[in-house]
Amino acid sequence: MSAKPDHTDAVGGVESHNGRWFVREVVGEAPPFRARYLVIAAHPAPGGQPELNGYWHELERSFDTWSYAADAALEAAQRAIDFRP
């Protein structure tokens, strides 16, 4: 996890689900936390950074804890991949 100046934390690194790749973030320094994810084109080369093309999908609700926000972003990204052609 890497903290950014705007209090955005990356949750892990590049993750995969059903052959597609995504990243997720939790936004907020204290409750309420917001969550978002981004499906990416491909996994980066070892040691490289992912190409973050596209746009972030921010979840509509906010969360009381950082871990709930992170879990919600994971579930939302997986659902998006499952229903994407």
Protein backbone atom coordinates (compact mmCIF):
# COMPACT_ATOMS: atom_id res chain seq x y z
CA MET A 1 0.00 0.00 0.00
CA SER A 2 1.36 3.43 -0.87
CA ALA A 3 -0.02 6.63 0.61
CA LYS A 4 -0.41 9.60 -1.74
CA PRO A 5 -0.68 13.29 -0.77
CA ASP A 6 -4.46 13.26 -1.38
CA HIS A 7 -4.86 10.43 1.18
CA THR A 8 -5.36 7.82 -1.52
CA ASP A 9 -3.97 4.37 -0.72
CA ALA A 10 -3.33 1.77 -3.38
CA VAL A 11 -4.61 -1.59 -2.17
CA GLY A 12 -1.87 -4.07 -3.01
CA GLY A 13 -0.53 -3.98 -6.53
CA VAL A 14 -1.93 -5.10 -9.85
CA GLU A 15 -4.48 -7.87 -9.24
CA SER A 16 -6.09 -10.34 -11.61
CA HIS A 17 -9.50 -11.92 -12.01
CA ASN A 18 -10.56 -14.25 -14.85
CA GLY A 19 -7.56 -13.26 -16.97
CA ARG A 20 -8.10 -9.49 -16.64
CA TRP A 21 -6.06 -7.06 -14.55
CA PHE A 22 -7.15 -4.25 -12.23
CA VAL A 23 -5.96 -1.93 -9.49
CA ARG A 24 -7.98 -0.57 -6.58
CA GLU A 25 -7.65 2.35 -4.20
CA VAL A 26 -9.16 3.61 -0.97
CA VAL A 27 -9.58 7.38 -0.64
CA GLY A 28 -9.73 9.16 2.70
CA GLU A 29 -7.67 9.86 5.78
CA ALA A 30 -10.46 8.93 8.20
CA PRO A 31 -14.07 7.74 7.89
CA PRO A 32 -15.93 8.00 5.68
CA PHE A 33 -13.66 6.22 3.18
CA ARG A 34 -14.37 6.01 -0.55
CA ALA A 35 -13.31 3.18 -2.85
CA ARG A 36 -12.51 2.98 -6.55
CA TYR A 37 -11.04 0.57 -9.09
CA LEU A 38 -9.59 0.65 -12.59
CA VAL A 39 -9.50 -2.28 -15.03
CA ILE A 40 -6.23 -2.09 -16.97
CA ALA A 41 -5.20 -3.43 -20.37
CA ALA A 42 -2.34 -5.68 -19.28
CA HIS A 43 -0.07 -6.57 -16.40
CA PRO A 44 3.13 -4.49 -16.45
CA ALA A 45 6.54 -5.99 -17.13
CA PRO A 46 8.36 -7.08 -13.95
CA GLY A 47 9.40 -3.97 -12.06
CA GLY A 48 7.33 -1.74 -14.34
CA GLN A 49 4.28 0.36 -13.64
CA PRO A 50 0.84 -0.57 -14.99
CA GLU A 51 -0.51 1.51 -17.83
CA LEU A 52 -3.52 3.15 -16.22
CA ASN A 53 -5.61 3.85 -19.29
CA GLY A 54 -9.33 4.26 -18.94
CA TYR A 55 -11.07 5.89 -16.02
CA TRP A 56 -11.54 5.15 -12.34
CA HIS A 57 -14.88 3.71 -11.26
CA GLU A 58 -15.74 5.18 -7.87
CA LEU A 59 -18.26 3.33 -5.74
CA GLU A 60 -21.37 5.35 -4.89
CA ARG A 61 -21.38 4.70 -1.17
CA SER A 62 -18.81 5.47 1.51
CA PHE A 63 -17.49 3.11 4.18
CA ASP A 64 -16.81 3.26 7.91
CA THR A 65 -13.51 1.38 7.72
CA TRP A 66 -10.59 1.24 5.31
CA SER A 67 -10.85 -2.55 5.02
CA TYR A 68 -14.55 -2.47 4.09
CA ALA A 69 -13.76 0.05 1.36
CA ALA A 70 -10.90 -2.10 0.06
CA ASP A 71 -13.09 -5.23 0.03
CA ALA A 72 -15.91 -3.39 -1.74
CA ALA A 73 -13.51 -2.18 -4.45
CA LEU A 74 -12.30 -5.77 -4.94
CA GLU A 75 -15.83 -7.11 -5.31
CA ALA A 76 -16.85 -4.30 -7.67
CA ALA A 77 -13.80 -4.81 -9.89
CA GLN A 78 -14.43 -8.55 -10.08
CA ARG A 79 -18.10 -8.00 -10.98
CA ALA A 80 -17.13 -5.48 -13.66
CA ILE A 81 -14.70 -7.97 -15.20
CA ASP A 82 -17.26 -10.80 -15.07
CA PHE A 83 -19.84 -8.72 -16.96
CA ARG A 84 -17.47 -7.04 -19.40
CA PRO A 85 -17.36 -8.53 -22.94
